[in-house]
Amino acid sequence: MIFSAFLKIFCFFSILFFGSFIQTSMSKYFNVKKDFGEIPYFNFNDKKFISQRGEISDSRSSQFLSLLKIIIEDKSPLELIDNFYSIQEILLIKDLHIAKLEYKNFGQIKIQTINKKLITFQDFKLENQLTYLKLFFESKESKNLLIDFKSIDLRHKNKIAIGYI
């Protein structure tokens, strides 16, 4: 009985020891970082990246250039990241994925999708514009109106302008 308890404890600590040894060895071998807050999420102005924690750091390699691009003139990128998630949620209704988000000094937000569609918003009217876009995307008319479109401009009051190829 004592031997059985000793054997169980020995097995437990052996598994614990070897598990941590394997994890450490694999982390070193594959150069895995334990600090997941450093994982880059956004390419910021092609020179820096924004991590999962919202920290801005210098770009360490060219692999970060393939991340979603955020280009901003004189504004905090963290303010725009909230807008990114709100916009992306609506665009997913039509399976559109953001590749680049650009903010201009005069409040214009330009979105370029992976399939090269351009969507333009005005920052101070963004909430209303997203509501109109969602209603439009969910309408029956949008299916026909969005065939071969090139751009959508939501900066006009209560209107959506659609550009074609």
C-alpha atoms as a PDB file:
ATOM      1  CA  MET A   1       0.000   0.000   0.000  1.00  0.00           C
ATOM      2  CA  ILE A   2       2.814   2.400   0.856  1.00  0.00           C
ATOM      3  CA  PHE A   3       4.675   1.251  -2.235  1.00  0.00           C
ATOM      4  CA  SER A   4       1.565   1.918  -4.359  1.00  0.00           C
ATOM      5  CA  ALA A   5       1.238   5.464  -2.991  1.00  0.00           C
ATOM      6  CA  PHE A   6       4.959   6.046  -3.541  1.00  0.00           C
ATOM      7  CA  LEU A   7       4.663   4.753  -7.119  1.00  0.00           C
ATOM      8  CA  LYS A   8       1.726   7.103  -7.839  1.00  0.00           C
ATOM      9  CA  ILE A   9       3.599  10.105  -6.445  1.00  0.00           C
ATOM     10  CA  PHE A  10       6.732   9.139  -8.362  1.00  0.00           C
ATOM     11  CA  CYS A  11       4.746   8.832 -11.618  1.00  0.00           C
ATOM     12  CA  PHE A  12       3.039  12.172 -11.036  1.00  0.00           C
ATOM     13  CA  PHE A  13       6.299  14.059 -10.441  1.00  0.00           C
ATOM     14  CA  SER A  14       7.990  12.236 -13.343  1.00  0.00           C
ATOM     15  CA  ILE A  15       5.259  13.323 -15.726  1.00  0.00           C
ATOM     16  CA  LEU A  16       5.371  16.862 -14.344  1.00  0.00           C
ATOM     17  CA  PHE A  17       9.170  17.036 -14.646  1.00  0.00           C
ATOM     18  CA  PHE A  18       9.380  15.550 -18.135  1.00  0.00           C
ATOM     19  CA  GLY A  19       6.422  17.618 -19.342  1.00  0.00           C
ATOM     20  CA  SER A  20       8.067  20.858 -18.307  1.00  0.00           C
ATOM     21  CA  PHE A  21      11.390  19.648 -19.748  1.00  0.00           C
ATOM     22  CA  ILE A  22       9.770  18.868 -23.099  1.00  0.00           C
ATOM     23  CA  GLN A  23       7.919  22.196 -23.137  1.00  0.00           C
ATOM     24  CA  THR A  24      11.135  24.118 -22.425  1.00  0.00           C
ATOM     25  CA  SER A  25      13.098  22.127 -24.995  1.00  0.00           C
ATOM     26  CA  MET A  26      10.451  22.575 -27.678  1.00  0.00           C
ATOM     27  CA  SER A  27      10.148  26.285 -26.940  1.00  0.00           C
ATOM     28  CA  LYS A  28      13.875  26.736 -27.446  1.00  0.00           C
ATOM     29  CA  TYR A  29      13.958  24.505 -30.521  1.00  0.00           C
ATOM     30  CA  PHE A  30      11.048  26.199 -32.273  1.00  0.00           C
ATOM     31  CA  ASN A  31      11.855  29.677 -30.900  1.00  0.00           C
ATOM     32  CA  VAL A  32       8.398  29.954 -29.334  1.00  0.00           C
ATOM     33  CA  LYS A  33       7.761  32.952 -27.092  1.00  0.00           C
ATOM     34  CA  LYS A  34       5.899  32.451 -23.857  1.00  0.00           C
ATOM     35  CA  ASP A  35       4.684  36.051 -23.816  1.00  0.00           C
ATOM     36  CA  PHE A  36       1.721  35.921 -26.168  1.00  0.00           C
ATOM     37  CA  GLY A  37       1.066  39.635 -25.599  1.00  0.00           C
ATOM     38  CA  GLU A  38       3.967  40.296 -27.968  1.00  0.00           C
ATOM     39  CA  ILE A  39       2.251  38.573 -30.896  1.00  0.00           C
ATOM     40  CA  PRO A  40       1.886  41.180 -33.646  1.00  0.00           C
ATOM     41  CA  TYR A  41      -1.674  41.801 -34.808  1.00  0.00           C
ATOM     42  CA  PHE A  42      -1.420  44.906 -36.994  1.00  0.00           C
ATOM     43  CA  ASN A  43       1.219  46.427 -39.265  1.00  0.00           C
ATOM     44  CA  PHE A  44       1.328  50.097 -38.261  1.00  0.00           C
ATOM     45  CA  ASN A  45       2.453  52.560 -40.983  1.00  0.00           C
ATOM     46  CA  ASP A  46       4.750  49.845 -42.482  1.00  0.00           C
ATOM     47  CA  LYS A  47       7.360  50.606 -39.812  1.00  0.00           C
ATOM     48  CA  LYS A  48       5.939  49.272 -36.558  1.00  0.00           C
ATOM     49  CA  PHE A  49       3.509  46.681 -35.314  1.00  0.00           C
ATOM     50  CA  ILE A  50       0.784  46.674 -32.712  1.00  0.00           C
ATOM     51  CA  SER A  51       0.764  43.668 -30.400  1.00  0.00           C
ATOM     52  CA  GLN A  52      -2.141  41.796 -28.866  1.00  0.00           C
ATOM     53  CA  ARG A  53      -1.827  44.007 -25.780  1.00  0.00           C
ATOM     54  CA  GLY A  54      -1.975  47.172 -27.872  1.00  0.00           C
ATOM     55  CA  GLU A  55       1.709  47.942 -27.431  1.00  0.00           C
ATOM     56  CA  ILE A  56       3.463  49.607 -30.362  1.00  0.00           C
ATOM     57  CA  SER A  57       6.921  48.301 -31.245  1.00  0.00           C
ATOM     58  CA  ASP A  58       9.384  48.573 -34.075  1.00  0.00           C
ATOM     59  CA  SER A  59       9.001  45.951 -36.777  1.00  0.00           C
ATOM     60  CA  ARG A  60      11.476  43.150 -36.272  1.00  0.00           C
ATOM     61  CA  SER A  61      11.235  41.430 -39.622  1.00  0.00           C
ATOM     62  CA  SER A  62       9.631  41.575 -43.013  1.00  0.00           C
ATOM     63  CA  GLN A  63       7.104  38.881 -42.028  1.00  0.00           C
ATOM     64  CA  PHE A  64       5.127  41.537 -40.149  1.00  0.00           C
ATOM     65  CA  LEU A  65       4.510  43.373 -43.402  1.00  0.00           C
ATOM     66  CA  SER A  66       1.909  40.728 -44.328  1.00  0.00           C
ATOM     67  CA  LEU A  67      -0.291  41.665 -41.348  1.00  0.00           C
ATOM     68  CA  LEU A  68      -3.352  43.857 -41.697  1.00  0.00           C
ATOM     69  CA  LYS A  69      -2.072  47.345 -42.495  1.00  0.00           C
ATOM     70  CA  ILE A  70      -3.155  50.353 -40.466  1.00  0.00           C
ATOM     71  CA  ILE A  71      -2.037  53.687 -41.887  1.00  0.00           C
ATOM     72  CA  ILE A  72      -2.728  56.724 -39.740  1.00  0.00           C
ATOM     73  CA  GLU A  73      -1.850  60.384 -39.950  1.00  0.00           C
ATOM     74  CA  ASP A  74      -1.622  62.028 -36.503  1.00  0.00           C
ATOM     75  CA  LYS A  75      -4.019  59.804 -34.558  1.00  0.00           C
ATOM     76  CA  SER A  76      -3.602  57.037 -32.030  1.00  0.00           C
ATOM     77  CA  PRO A  77      -3.826  53.651 -33.741  1.00  0.00           C
ATOM     78  CA  LEU A  78      -5.595  52.166 -30.727  1.00  0.00           C
ATOM     79  CA  GLU A  79      -8.619  54.396 -31.343  1.00  0.00           C
ATOM     80  CA  LEU A  80      -8.847  53.052 -34.867  1.00  0.00           C
ATOM     81  CA  ILE A  81      -8.564  49.395 -33.844  1.00  0.00           C
ATOM     82  CA  ASP A  82     -11.999  49.549 -32.191  1.00  0.00           C
ATOM     83  CA  ASN A  83     -13.367  50.927 -35.450  1.00  0.00           C
ATOM     84  CA  PHE A  84     -11.653  48.091 -37.323  1.00  0.00           C
ATOM     85  CA  TYR A  85     -13.547  45.431 -35.374  1.00  0.00           C
ATOM     86  CA  SER A  86     -16.882  47.238 -35.797  1.00  0.00           C
ATOM     87  CA  ILE A  87     -16.362  47.620 -39.532  1.00  0.00           C
ATOM     88  CA  GLN A  88     -15.083  44.068 -40.037  1.00  0.00           C
ATOM     89  CA  GLU A  89     -18.137  42.637 -38.279  1.00  0.00           C
ATOM     90  CA  ILE A  90     -20.436  44.305 -40.838  1.00  0.00           C
ATOM     91  CA  LEU A  91     -18.260  43.464 -43.844  1.00  0.00           C
ATOM     92  CA  LEU A  92     -18.309  39.777 -42.939  1.00  0.00           C
ATOM     93  CA  ILE A  93     -22.020  39.738 -43.822  1.00  0.00           C
ATOM     94  CA  LYS A  94     -20.855  39.814 -47.479  1.00  0.00           C
ATOM     95  CA  ASP A  95     -17.663  37.820 -46.803  1.00  0.00           C
ATOM     96  CA  LEU A  96     -15.436  40.880 -47.202  1.00  0.00           C
ATOM     97  CA  HIS A  97     -12.180  40.882 -45.216  1.00  0.00           C
ATOM     98  CA  ILE A  98     -10.157  43.989 -44.461  1.00  0.00           C
ATOM     99  CA  ALA A  99      -6.594  44.028 -45.778  1.00  0.00           C
ATOM    100  CA  LYS A 100      -5.792  47.694 -45.141  1.00  0.00           C
ATOM    101  CA  LEU A 101      -7.331  50.418 -42.992  1.00  0.00           C
ATOM    102  CA  GLU A 102      -6.244  53.996 -43.600  1.00  0.00           C
ATOM    103  CA  TYR A 103      -7.186  57.061 -41.562  1.00  0.00           C
ATOM    104  CA  LYS A 104      -6.751  60.530 -43.076  1.00  0.00           C
ATOM    105  CA  ASN A 105      -6.345  63.782 -41.079  1.00  0.00           C
ATOM    106  CA  PHE A 106      -9.754  65.063 -42.181  1.00  0.00           C
ATOM    107  CA  GLY A 107     -11.559  62.053 -40.657  1.00  0.00           C
ATOM    108  CA  GLN A 108     -11.869  59.834 -43.682  1.00  0.00           C
ATOM    109  CA  ILE A 109     -11.535  56.099 -43.030  1.00  0.00           C
ATOM    110  CA  LYS A 110     -10.616  54.095 -46.122  1.00  0.00           C
ATOM    111  CA  ILE A 111     -10.895  50.323 -46.110  1.00  0.00           C
ATOM    112  CA  GLN A 112      -9.356  48.098 -48.740  1.00  0.00           C
ATOM    113  CA  THR A 113     -10.532  44.488 -48.705  1.00  0.00           C
ATOM    114  CA  ILE A 114      -8.491  41.443 -49.577  1.00  0.00           C
ATOM    115  CA  ASN A 115     -10.233  41.274 -52.962  1.00  0.00           C
ATOM    116  CA  LYS A 116      -9.373  44.961 -53.699  1.00  0.00           C
ATOM    117  CA  LYS A 117     -12.773  46.540 -52.905  1.00  0.00           C
ATOM    118  CA  LEU A 118     -12.617  50.068 -51.474  1.00  0.00           C
ATOM    119  CA  ILE A 119     -15.054  51.226 -48.768  1.00  0.00           C
ATOM    120  CA  THR A 120     -14.979  54.782 -47.419  1.00  0.00           C
ATOM    121  CA  PHE A 121     -16.417  56.113 -44.140  1.00  0.00           C
ATOM    122  CA  GLN A 122     -16.365  59.400 -42.230  1.00  0.00           C
ATOM    123  CA  ASP A 123     -15.148  58.918 -38.650  1.00  0.00           C
ATOM    124  CA  PHE A 124     -17.652  61.132 -36.828  1.00  0.00           C
ATOM    125  CA  LYS A 125     -20.601  59.424 -38.594  1.00  0.00           C
ATOM    126  CA  LEU A 126     -19.226  55.887 -38.432  1.00  0.00           C
ATOM    127  CA  GLU A 127     -21.931  54.399 -36.204  1.00  0.00           C
ATOM    128  CA  ASN A 128     -24.756  55.602 -38.481  1.00  0.00           C
ATOM    129  CA  GLN A 129     -22.859  54.588 -41.601  1.00  0.00           C
ATOM    130  CA  LEU A 130     -22.323  51.069 -40.268  1.00  0.00           C
ATOM    131  CA  THR A 131     -26.046  50.811 -39.500  1.00  0.00           C
ATOM    132  CA  TYR A 132     -26.924  51.824 -43.081  1.00  0.00           C
ATOM    133  CA  LEU A 133     -24.335  49.432 -44.496  1.00  0.00           C
ATOM    134  CA  LYS A 134     -25.646  46.543 -42.417  1.00  0.00           C
ATOM    135  CA  LEU A 135     -29.229  47.216 -43.515  1.00  0.00           C
ATOM    136  CA  PHE A 136     -28.084  47.418 -47.133  1.00  0.00           C
ATOM    137  CA  PHE A 137     -26.032  44.204 -46.933  1.00  0.00           C
ATOM    138  CA  GLU A 138     -29.009  42.352 -45.422  1.00  0.00           C
ATOM    139  CA  SER A 139     -31.429  43.630 -48.090  1.00  0.00           C
ATOM    140  CA  LYS A 140     -32.461  41.605 -51.147  1.00  0.00           C
ATOM    141  CA  GLU A 141     -31.359  44.409 -53.474  1.00  0.00           C
ATOM    142  CA  SER A 142     -27.750  44.235 -52.345  1.00  0.00           C
ATOM    143  CA  LYS A 143     -27.211  40.888 -54.060  1.00  0.00           C
ATOM    144  CA  ASN A 144     -27.750  42.418 -57.515  1.00  0.00           C
ATOM    145  CA  LEU A 145     -26.226  45.813 -56.718  1.00  0.00           C
ATOM    146  CA  LEU A 146     -22.957  44.356 -55.459  1.00  0.00           C
ATOM    147  CA  ILE A 147     -22.164  42.302 -58.554  1.00  0.00           C
ATOM    148  CA  ASP A 148     -18.749  43.498 -59.791  1.00  0.00           C
ATOM    149  CA  PHE A 149     -18.703  46.585 -57.560  1.00  0.00           C
ATOM    150  CA  LYS A 150     -15.407  48.352 -57.053  1.00  0.00           C
ATOM    151  CA  SER A 151     -16.164  50.744 -54.225  1.00  0.00           C
ATOM    152  CA  ILE A 152     -18.728  51.816 -51.653  1.00  0.00           C
ATOM    153  CA  ASP A 153     -18.786  55.341 -50.258  1.00  0.00           C
ATOM    154  CA  LEU A 154     -20.856  55.957 -47.118  1.00  0.00           C
ATOM    155  CA  ARG A 155     -19.902  59.593 -46.509  1.00  0.00           C
ATOM    156  CA  HIS A 156     -23.100  60.945 -48.056  1.00  0.00           C
ATOM    157  CA  LYS A 157     -26.008  61.654 -45.735  1.00  0.00           C
ATOM    158  CA  ASN A 158     -28.350  58.620 -45.558  1.00  0.00           C
ATOM    159  CA  LYS A 159     -27.044  57.347 -48.909  1.00  0.00           C
ATOM    160  CA  ILE A 160     -24.673  54.717 -50.173  1.00  0.00           C
ATOM    161  CA  ALA A 161     -22.693  55.395 -53.356  1.00  0.00           C
ATOM    162  CA  ILE A 162     -21.547  52.282 -55.223  1.00  0.00           C
ATOM    163  CA  GLY A 163     -18.798  52.420 -57.851  1.00  0.00           C
ATOM    164  CA  TYR A 164     -18.445  49.754 -60.521  1.00  0.00           C
ATOM    165  CA  ILE A 165     -15.602  48.425 -62.642  1.00  0.00           C
END
